[in-house]
């Protein structure tokens, strides 16, 4: 079965020491009957959060083919390596397409944003008309709004009341 192993080597090791650590891990994998299909150097990166007081590390990705029975042994052995900050082994399906990276993600995001903007600009805002007529027979201009003429008439009625003249 194919798996992908990702591990982080702390930044305290130099770039010259990282290949030696990689060889040590590959030897452990081969000892447990794993076949290395692909190696990828993820390079120096900042870690999202500190791991054992380390904020930077070298990311290394290996695609391996191994029996599931030996997977647990490899996982336990990798936990004992002081040179590895963190590791993760996941099932890997080589037939699936790879996830987009870097600029591809930016381009996809820009395309989605422009499509959403275009869709919003094509849509017209809904017009709310209540169809309710006021005492004067005029229609209201919107939900909860009264026409200006109706407001003037109502104001005149209130001001002409005899209650206010006292």
N, C-alpha and C. Protein backbone atom coordinates (compact mmCIF):
# COMPACT_ATOMS: atom_id res chain seq x y z
N UNK A 1 0.83 -1.17 0.00
CA UNK A 1 0.00 0.00 0.00
C UNK A 1 0.88 1.25 0.00
N UNK A 2 0.45 2.31 -0.66
CA UNK A 2 1.24 3.54 -0.74
C UNK A 2 0.88 4.48 0.41
N UNK A 3 1.91 5.08 0.98
CA UNK A 3 1.75 6.05 2.05
C UNK A 3 2.66 7.23 1.76
N UNK A 4 2.32 8.34 2.37
CA UNK A 4 3.17 9.52 2.28
C UNK A 4 3.64 9.85 3.70
N UNK A 5 4.94 9.98 3.85
CA UNK A 5 5.55 10.32 5.13
C UNK A 5 6.09 11.73 5.04
N UNK A 6 5.64 12.59 5.93
CA UNK A 6 6.12 13.95 6.01
C UNK A 6 6.76 14.12 7.38
N UNK A 7 7.99 14.63 7.41
CA UNK A 7 8.62 14.87 8.70
C UNK A 7 9.37 16.20 8.68
N UNK A 8 9.56 16.74 9.88
CA UNK A 8 10.21 18.04 10.04
C UNK A 8 11.49 17.86 10.84
N UNK A 9 12.59 18.33 10.27
CA UNK A 9 13.89 18.33 10.95
C UNK A 9 14.09 19.73 11.51
N UNK A 10 14.47 19.86 12.79
CA UNK A 10 14.62 21.20 13.38
C UNK A 10 15.67 22.05 12.67
N UNK A 11 15.50 23.33 12.78
CA UNK A 11 16.38 24.29 12.11
C UNK A 11 17.76 24.35 12.76
N UNK A 12 17.90 23.74 13.93
CA UNK A 12 19.20 23.76 14.60
C UNK A 12 20.25 22.94 13.83
N UNK A 13 19.77 22.04 12.96
CA UNK A 13 20.68 21.27 12.11
C UNK A 13 20.97 22.08 10.86
N UNK A 14 22.19 21.99 10.35
CA UNK A 14 22.56 22.73 9.14
C UNK A 14 22.06 21.98 7.90
N UNK A 15 22.11 22.66 6.79
CA UNK A 15 21.67 22.04 5.54
C UNK A 15 22.56 20.86 5.17
N UNK A 16 23.80 20.86 5.62
CA UNK A 16 24.71 19.75 5.35
C UNK A 16 24.35 18.52 6.19
N UNK A 17 23.74 18.72 7.35
CA UNK A 17 23.37 17.61 8.22
C UNK A 17 22.04 16.97 7.83
N UNK A 18 21.20 17.70 7.15
CA UNK A 18 19.87 17.19 6.79
C UNK A 18 19.95 15.95 5.90
N UNK A 19 20.82 15.89 4.87
CA UNK A 19 20.90 14.66 4.06
C UNK A 19 21.32 13.44 4.88
N UNK A 20 22.17 13.63 5.88
CA UNK A 20 22.57 12.51 6.73
C UNK A 20 21.39 11.99 7.54
N UNK A 21 20.58 12.91 8.03
CA UNK A 21 19.37 12.52 8.78
C UNK A 21 18.40 11.80 7.84
N UNK A 22 18.27 12.33 6.62
CA UNK A 22 17.39 11.71 5.62
C UNK A 22 17.83 10.26 5.35
N UNK A 23 19.13 10.06 5.18
CA UNK A 23 19.66 8.71 4.92
C UNK A 23 19.39 7.77 6.10
N UNK A 24 19.50 8.30 7.30
CA UNK A 24 19.23 7.51 8.50
C UNK A 24 17.76 7.05 8.53
N UNK A 25 16.87 7.95 8.15
CA UNK A 25 15.44 7.61 8.13
C UNK A 25 15.13 6.64 7.00
N UNK A 26 15.74 6.83 5.85
CA UNK A 26 15.53 5.91 4.72
C UNK A 26 16.04 4.51 5.07
N UNK A 27 17.17 4.45 5.78
CA UNK A 27 17.69 3.14 6.22
C UNK A 27 16.71 2.45 7.15
N UNK A 28 16.08 3.22 8.03
CA UNK A 28 15.06 2.65 8.94
C UNK A 28 13.86 2.15 8.15
N UNK A 29 13.46 2.91 7.15
CA UNK A 29 12.32 2.49 6.33
C UNK A 29 12.64 1.20 5.57
N UNK A 30 13.83 1.13 4.98
CA UNK A 30 14.22 -0.06 4.22
C UNK A 30 14.36 -1.28 5.13
N UNK A 31 14.81 -1.05 6.37
CA UNK A 31 14.93 -2.13 7.34
C UNK A 31 13.56 -2.76 7.63
N UNK A 32 12.52 -1.95 7.51
CA UNK A 32 11.15 -2.42 7.74
C UNK A 32 10.42 -2.72 6.44
N UNK A 33 11.18 -3.06 5.39
CA UNK A 33 10.65 -3.49 4.09
C UNK A 33 9.82 -2.43 3.37
N UNK A 34 10.22 -1.18 3.47
CA UNK A 34 9.53 -0.11 2.75
C UNK A 34 10.30 0.23 1.48
N UNK A 35 9.59 0.45 0.42
CA UNK A 35 10.20 0.89 -0.85
C UNK A 35 9.94 2.38 -1.01
N UNK A 36 11.00 3.15 -1.22
CA UNK A 36 10.86 4.59 -1.43
C UNK A 36 10.51 4.82 -2.90
N UNK A 37 9.36 5.41 -3.15
CA UNK A 37 8.91 5.69 -4.51
C UNK A 37 9.34 7.08 -4.94
N UNK A 38 9.22 8.04 -4.04
CA UNK A 38 9.53 9.42 -4.39
C UNK A 38 10.03 10.16 -3.15
N UNK A 39 11.01 11.04 -3.37
CA UNK A 39 11.53 11.92 -2.32
C UNK A 39 11.33 13.35 -2.76
N UNK A 40 10.90 14.18 -1.84
CA UNK A 40 10.72 15.59 -2.16
C UNK A 40 11.22 16.42 -0.99
N UNK A 41 12.02 17.42 -1.31
CA UNK A 41 12.53 18.32 -0.28
C UNK A 41 11.60 19.53 -0.21
N UNK A 42 10.93 19.67 0.92
CA UNK A 42 10.01 20.80 1.10
C UNK A 42 10.73 22.10 1.43
N UNK A 43 12.01 22.02 1.76
CA UNK A 43 12.81 23.21 2.05
C UNK A 43 12.61 23.74 3.45
N UNK A 44 13.27 24.86 3.71
CA UNK A 44 13.15 25.53 5.01
C UNK A 44 11.83 26.28 5.05
N UNK A 45 11.11 26.11 6.16
CA UNK A 45 9.83 26.80 6.30
C UNK A 45 9.61 27.20 7.75
N UNK A 46 8.80 28.21 7.91
CA UNK A 46 8.37 28.59 9.25
C UNK A 46 7.22 27.66 9.64
N UNK A 47 7.27 27.17 10.86
CA UNK A 47 6.23 26.28 11.36
C UNK A 47 5.10 27.15 11.90
N UNK A 48 3.87 26.70 11.73
CA UNK A 48 2.71 27.49 12.12
C UNK A 48 2.70 27.81 13.62
N UNK A 49 3.19 26.91 14.41
CA UNK A 49 3.26 27.13 15.86
C UNK A 49 4.53 26.45 16.38
N UNK A 50 5.08 26.91 17.49
CA UNK A 50 6.33 26.32 17.99
C UNK A 50 6.15 24.85 18.38
N UNK A 51 7.11 24.02 17.98
CA UNK A 51 7.15 22.61 18.37
C UNK A 51 8.47 22.41 19.08
N UNK A 52 8.41 22.08 20.35
CA UNK A 52 9.62 21.89 21.17
C UNK A 52 10.54 23.10 21.04
N UNK A 53 10.00 24.28 21.20
CA UNK A 53 10.70 25.57 21.12
C UNK A 53 11.34 25.83 19.76
N UNK A 54 10.88 25.21 18.71
CA UNK A 54 11.39 25.44 17.35
C UNK A 54 10.31 26.11 16.52
N UNK A 55 10.70 27.16 15.82
CA UNK A 55 9.75 27.88 14.97
C UNK A 55 10.01 27.67 13.48
N UNK A 56 11.14 27.08 13.14
CA UNK A 56 11.49 26.81 11.73
C UNK A 56 11.96 25.36 11.61
N UNK A 57 11.84 24.82 10.41
CA UNK A 57 12.32 23.46 10.19
C UNK A 57 12.45 23.15 8.71
N UNK A 58 13.10 22.02 8.45
CA UNK A 58 13.24 21.50 7.09
C UNK A 58 12.16 20.45 6.89
N UNK A 59 11.34 20.62 5.87
CA UNK A 59 10.26 19.69 5.59
C UNK A 59 10.72 18.69 4.53
N UNK A 60 10.53 17.40 4.81
CA UNK A 60 10.90 16.36 3.86
C UNK A 60 9.69 15.45 3.65
N UNK A 61 9.41 15.14 2.39
CA UNK A 61 8.25 14.33 2.03
C UNK A 61 8.74 13.09 1.30
N UNK A 62 8.28 11.93 1.75
CA UNK A 62 8.63 10.67 1.11
C UNK A 62 7.35 9.92 0.77
N UNK A 63 7.30 9.39 -0.44
CA UNK A 63 6.21 8.49 -0.80
C UNK A 63 6.79 7.08 -0.70
N UNK A 64 6.15 6.25 0.11
CA UNK A 64 6.67 4.90 0.35
C UNK A 64 5.60 3.86 0.07
N UNK A 65 6.07 2.67 -0.25
CA UNK A 65 5.17 1.53 -0.44
C UNK A 65 5.55 0.52 0.63
N UNK A 66 4.56 0.15 1.45
CA UNK A 66 4.84 -0.72 2.60
C UNK A 66 3.58 -1.49 2.96
N UNK A 67 3.78 -2.64 3.57
CA UNK A 67 2.65 -3.41 4.09
C UNK A 67 2.09 -2.72 5.33
N UNK A 68 0.79 -2.72 5.49
CA UNK A 68 0.20 -2.07 6.67
C UNK A 68 0.69 -2.65 8.01
N UNK A 69 1.13 -3.91 8.02
CA UNK A 69 1.61 -4.52 9.26
C UNK A 69 2.89 -3.83 9.75
N UNK A 70 3.74 -3.42 8.82
CA UNK A 70 5.02 -2.79 9.18
C UNK A 70 4.87 -1.29 9.47
N UNK A 71 3.75 -0.75 9.16
CA UNK A 71 3.54 0.69 9.32
C UNK A 71 3.64 1.12 10.78
N UNK A 72 3.06 0.35 11.66
CA UNK A 72 3.10 0.67 13.09
C UNK A 72 4.54 0.65 13.62
N UNK A 73 5.33 -0.31 13.16
CA UNK A 73 6.74 -0.39 13.58
C UNK A 73 7.50 0.86 13.16
N UNK A 74 7.28 1.28 11.92
CA UNK A 74 7.96 2.48 11.42
C UNK A 74 7.52 3.71 12.22
N UNK A 75 6.25 3.80 12.48
CA UNK A 75 5.72 4.93 13.23
C UNK A 75 6.37 5.01 14.61
N UNK A 76 6.49 3.88 15.30
CA UNK A 76 7.11 3.84 16.63
C UNK A 76 8.60 4.20 16.57
N UNK A 77 9.29 3.71 15.56
CA UNK A 77 10.73 4.02 15.43
C UNK A 77 10.96 5.49 15.13
N UNK A 78 10.10 6.09 14.31
CA UNK A 78 10.26 7.51 13.99
C UNK A 78 10.04 8.39 15.22
N UNK A 79 9.22 7.92 16.15
CA UNK A 79 9.00 8.67 17.39
C UNK A 79 10.26 8.74 18.25
N UNK A 80 11.17 7.78 18.08
CA UNK A 80 12.38 7.76 18.90
C UNK A 80 13.51 8.61 18.34
N UNK A 81 13.38 9.10 17.10
CA UNK A 81 14.43 9.91 16.49
C UNK A 81 14.44 11.31 17.10
N UNK A 82 15.55 11.71 17.72
CA UNK A 82 15.62 13.09 18.26
C UNK A 82 15.75 14.13 17.15
N UNK A 83 16.13 13.70 15.96
CA UNK A 83 16.30 14.63 14.84
C UNK A 83 14.98 15.04 14.20
N UNK A 84 13.89 14.38 14.57
CA UNK A 84 12.59 14.67 13.97
C UNK A 84 11.72 15.40 14.98
N UNK A 85 11.26 16.59 14.59
CA UNK A 85 10.34 17.33 15.45
C UNK A 85 8.96 16.69 15.44
N UNK A 86 8.46 16.42 14.24
CA UNK A 86 7.12 15.87 14.09
C UNK A 86 7.09 15.10 12.79
N UNK A 87 6.29 14.04 12.74
CA UNK A 87 6.12 13.30 11.49
C UNK A 87 4.66 12.88 11.36
N UNK A 88 4.28 12.59 10.14
CA UNK A 88 2.92 12.13 9.88
C UNK A 88 2.95 11.19 8.69
N UNK A 89 2.21 10.09 8.83
CA UNK A 89 2.10 9.11 7.75
C UNK A 89 0.62 9.03 7.36
N UNK A 90 0.35 9.23 6.09
CA UNK A 90 -1.03 9.16 5.59
C UNK A 90 -1.09 8.28 4.35
N UNK A 91 -2.26 7.70 4.11
CA UNK A 91 -2.45 6.91 2.89
C UNK A 91 -2.33 7.84 1.70
N UNK A 92 -1.74 7.32 0.64
CA UNK A 92 -1.52 8.13 -0.54
C UNK A 92 -2.05 7.39 -1.76
N UNK A 93 -2.88 8.06 -2.52
CA UNK A 93 -3.42 7.49 -3.75
C UNK A 93 -2.77 8.19 -4.93
N UNK A 94 -1.85 7.53 -5.63
CA UNK A 94 -1.16 8.20 -6.74
C UNK A 94 -2.06 8.52 -7.92
N UNK A 95 -3.25 7.90 -7.99
CA UNK A 95 -4.16 8.15 -9.10
C UNK A 95 -4.91 9.46 -8.96
N UNK A 96 -5.01 9.98 -7.73
CA UNK A 96 -5.69 11.25 -7.52
C UNK A 96 -4.80 12.38 -8.01
N UNK A 97 -5.45 13.44 -8.46
CA UNK A 97 -4.68 14.59 -8.90
C UNK A 97 -4.14 15.32 -7.68
N UNK A 98 -3.01 15.97 -7.87
CA UNK A 98 -2.40 16.70 -6.77
C UNK A 98 -3.15 17.99 -6.52
N UNK A 99 -3.14 18.41 -5.27
CA UNK A 99 -3.77 19.67 -4.89
C UNK A 99 -2.96 20.83 -5.48
N UNK A 100 -3.63 21.91 -5.86
CA UNK A 100 -2.90 23.05 -6.42
C UNK A 100 -2.00 23.69 -5.37
N UNK A 101 -0.91 24.29 -5.84
CA UNK A 101 0.04 24.92 -4.93
C UNK A 101 0.22 26.38 -5.30
N UNK A 102 0.64 27.17 -4.35
CA UNK A 102 1.06 28.55 -4.51
C UNK A 102 0.27 29.39 -5.48
N UNK A 103 0.86 29.66 -6.64
CA UNK A 103 0.25 30.54 -7.63
C UNK A 103 -1.05 29.96 -8.18
N UNK A 104 -1.13 28.64 -8.27
CA UNK A 104 -2.35 28.01 -8.77
C UNK A 104 -3.51 28.33 -7.84
N UNK A 105 -3.27 28.30 -6.53
CA UNK A 105 -4.32 28.61 -5.56
C UNK A 105 -4.74 30.06 -5.71
N UNK A 106 -3.77 30.96 -5.87
CA UNK A 106 -4.09 32.38 -6.05
C UNK A 106 -4.94 32.61 -7.29
N UNK A 107 -4.58 31.94 -8.40
CA UNK A 107 -5.33 32.10 -9.64
C UNK A 107 -6.77 31.58 -9.49
N UNK A 108 -6.91 30.43 -8.85
CA UNK A 108 -8.24 29.85 -8.64
C UNK A 108 -9.07 30.78 -7.77
N UNK A 109 -8.47 31.33 -6.72
CA UNK A 109 -9.18 32.24 -5.82
C UNK A 109 -9.61 33.49 -6.56
N UNK A 110 -8.73 34.06 -7.38
CA UNK A 110 -9.08 35.26 -8.14
C UNK A 110 -10.23 34.99 -9.10
N UNK A 111 -10.20 33.82 -9.75
CA UNK A 111 -11.28 33.46 -10.67
C UNK A 111 -12.61 33.36 -9.93
N UNK A 112 -12.60 32.73 -8.76
CA UNK A 112 -13.84 32.59 -7.98
C UNK A 112 -14.37 33.95 -7.56
N UNK A 113 -13.48 34.85 -7.15
CA UNK A 113 -13.90 36.17 -6.70
C UNK A 113 -14.52 36.94 -7.86
N UNK A 114 -13.90 36.89 -9.03
CA UNK A 114 -14.45 37.62 -10.18
C UNK A 114 -15.79 37.04 -10.60
N UNK A 115 -15.93 35.72 -10.54
CA UNK A 115 -17.22 35.10 -10.89
C UNK A 115 -18.30 35.54 -9.92
N UNK A 116 -17.96 35.58 -8.62
CA UNK A 116 -18.94 36.01 -7.62
C UNK A 116 -19.33 37.47 -7.81
N UNK A 117 -18.36 38.33 -8.12
CA UNK A 117 -18.65 39.74 -8.36
C UNK A 117 -19.55 39.89 -9.58
N UNK A 118 -19.25 39.14 -10.65
CA UNK A 118 -20.08 39.20 -11.85
C UNK A 118 -21.50 38.75 -11.56
N UNK A 119 -21.63 37.68 -10.78
CA UNK A 119 -22.95 37.17 -10.44
C UNK A 119 -23.72 38.18 -9.61
N UNK A 120 -23.05 38.85 -8.69
CA UNK A 120 -23.72 39.85 -7.86
C UNK A 120 -24.11 41.08 -8.66
N UNK A 121 -23.29 41.48 -9.62
CA UNK A 121 -23.61 42.67 -10.40
C UNK A 121 -24.77 42.40 -11.36
N UNK A 122 -24.95 41.16 -11.78
CA UNK A 122 -26.06 40.83 -12.68
C UNK A 122 -27.39 40.76 -11.95
N UNK A 123 -27.34 40.42 -10.68
CA UNK A 123 -28.57 40.34 -9.90
C UNK A 123 -29.02 41.74 -9.53
N UNK A 124 -30.33 41.99 -9.69
CA UNK A 124 -30.87 43.28 -9.30
C UNK A 124 -31.45 43.13 -7.90
N UNK A 125 -31.29 44.15 -7.08
CA UNK A 125 -31.84 44.05 -5.73
C UNK A 125 -33.36 43.99 -5.78
N UNK A 126 -33.96 43.19 -4.92
CA UNK A 126 -35.42 43.07 -4.94
C UNK A 126 -36.08 44.37 -4.50
N UNK A 127 -37.15 44.74 -5.18
CA UNK A 127 -37.90 45.94 -4.85
C UNK A 127 -39.04 45.54 -3.93
N UNK A 128 -39.11 46.20 -2.78
CA UNK A 128 -40.17 45.87 -1.81
C UNK A 128 -41.30 46.88 -1.97
N UNK A 129 -42.44 46.38 -2.36
CA UNK A 129 -43.64 47.21 -2.39
C UNK A 129 -44.71 46.49 -1.61
N UNK A 130 -45.29 47.21 -0.69
CA UNK A 130 -46.27 46.56 0.17
C UNK A 130 -47.66 46.56 -0.44
N UNK A 131 -47.95 47.55 -1.28
CA UNK A 131 -49.27 47.60 -1.90
C UNK A 131 -50.35 48.06 -0.93
N UNK A 132 -49.98 48.55 0.24
CA UNK A 132 -50.95 49.01 1.23
C UNK A 132 -51.20 50.48 1.01
N UNK A 133 -52.46 50.83 1.05
CA UNK A 133 -52.80 52.23 0.86
C UNK A 133 -53.03 52.88 2.23
N UNK A 134 -52.67 54.17 2.32
CA UNK A 134 -52.84 54.91 3.57
C UNK A 134 -54.23 55.51 3.61
N UNK A 135 -54.50 56.28 4.67
CA UNK A 135 -55.83 56.89 4.84
C UNK A 135 -56.18 57.82 3.69
N UNK A 136 -55.18 58.46 3.10
CA UNK A 136 -55.43 59.41 2.02
C UNK A 136 -55.62 58.72 0.68
N UNK A 137 -55.36 57.41 0.62
CA UNK A 137 -55.52 56.70 -0.63
C UNK A 137 -54.23 56.55 -1.41
N UNK A 138 -53.12 57.08 -0.90
CA UNK A 138 -51.83 56.95 -1.59
C UNK A 138 -51.14 55.67 -1.12
N UNK A 139 -50.32 55.12 -2.01
CA UNK A 139 -49.58 53.90 -1.69
C UNK A 139 -48.36 54.24 -0.86
N UNK A 140 -47.99 53.31 0.01
CA UNK A 140 -46.73 53.44 0.73
C UNK A 140 -45.61 53.18 -0.26
N UNK A 141 -44.43 53.83 -0.05
CA UNK A 141 -43.33 53.70 -1.01
C UNK A 141 -42.42 52.53 -0.71
N UNK A 142 -42.59 51.85 0.35
CA UNK A 142 -41.73 50.72 0.69
C UNK A 142 -42.21 50.12 1.99
N UNK A 143 -41.51 49.12 2.45
CA UNK A 143 -41.91 48.47 3.68
C UNK A 143 -41.67 49.40 4.86
N UNK A 144 -42.75 49.83 5.53
CA UNK A 144 -42.64 50.69 6.69
C UNK A 144 -42.42 52.15 6.36
N UNK A 145 -42.46 52.55 5.09
CA UNK A 145 -42.23 53.93 4.70
C UNK A 145 -43.53 54.53 4.16
N UNK A 146 -43.73 55.82 4.45
CA UNK A 146 -44.94 56.53 4.00
C UNK A 146 -44.49 57.62 3.03
N UNK A 147 -45.32 57.88 2.04
CA UNK A 147 -45.01 58.92 1.06
C UNK A 147 -44.92 60.27 1.77
N UNK A 148 -44.16 61.19 1.21
CA UNK A 148 -43.92 62.49 1.81
C UNK A 148 -45.21 63.30 1.94
N UNK A 149 -46.10 63.21 0.95
CA UNK A 149 -47.36 63.94 0.99
C UNK A 149 -48.22 63.47 2.16
N UNK A 150 -48.24 62.14 2.38
CA UNK A 150 -49.00 61.58 3.49
C UNK A 150 -48.46 62.07 4.84
N UNK A 151 -47.15 62.19 4.92
CA UNK A 151 -46.52 62.66 6.14
C UNK A 151 -46.90 64.11 6.42
N UNK A 152 -46.93 64.95 5.36
CA UNK A 152 -47.31 66.35 5.52
C UNK A 152 -48.76 66.47 6.00
N UNK A 153 -49.64 65.69 5.42
CA UNK A 153 -51.06 65.72 5.81
C UNK A 153 -51.22 65.31 7.26
N UNK A 154 -50.55 64.26 7.66
CA UNK A 154 -50.63 63.76 9.03
C UNK A 154 -50.08 64.80 10.01
N UNK A 155 -49.00 65.48 9.63
CA UNK A 155 -48.40 66.51 10.47
C UNK A 155 -49.35 67.68 10.64
N UNK A 156 -50.02 68.10 9.55
CA UNK A 156 -51.00 69.19 9.63
C UNK A 156 -52.14 68.81 10.55
N UNK A 157 -52.61 67.59 10.50
CA UNK A 157 -53.69 67.13 11.38
C UNK A 157 -53.28 67.22 12.85
N UNK A 158 -52.07 66.79 13.13
CA UNK A 158 -51.58 66.78 14.50
C UNK A 158 -51.45 68.22 15.01
N UNK A 159 -50.88 69.11 14.18
CA UNK A 159 -50.68 70.48 14.61
C UNK A 159 -51.99 71.26 14.73
N UNK A 160 -53.00 70.89 13.98
CA UNK A 160 -54.27 71.60 14.05
C UNK A 160 -55.19 71.08 15.14
N UNK A 161 -54.79 70.03 15.85
CA UNK A 161 -55.60 69.49 16.93
C UNK A 161 -55.81 70.54 18.01
N UNK A 162 -56.97 70.52 18.60
CA UNK A 162 -57.31 71.46 19.65
C UNK A 162 -56.58 71.13 20.95
N UNK A 163 -56.05 69.89 21.06
CA UNK A 163 -55.35 69.50 22.26
C UNK A 163 -54.06 70.28 22.42
N UNK A 164 -53.44 70.65 21.33
CA UNK A 164 -52.19 71.36 21.39
C UNK A 164 -52.39 72.86 21.70
N UNK A 165 -53.57 73.38 21.44
CA UNK A 165 -53.81 74.81 21.59
C UNK A 165 -54.07 75.20 23.05
N UNK A 166 -54.20 74.30 23.93
CA UNK A 166 -54.50 74.64 25.33
C UNK A 166 -53.37 75.22 26.09
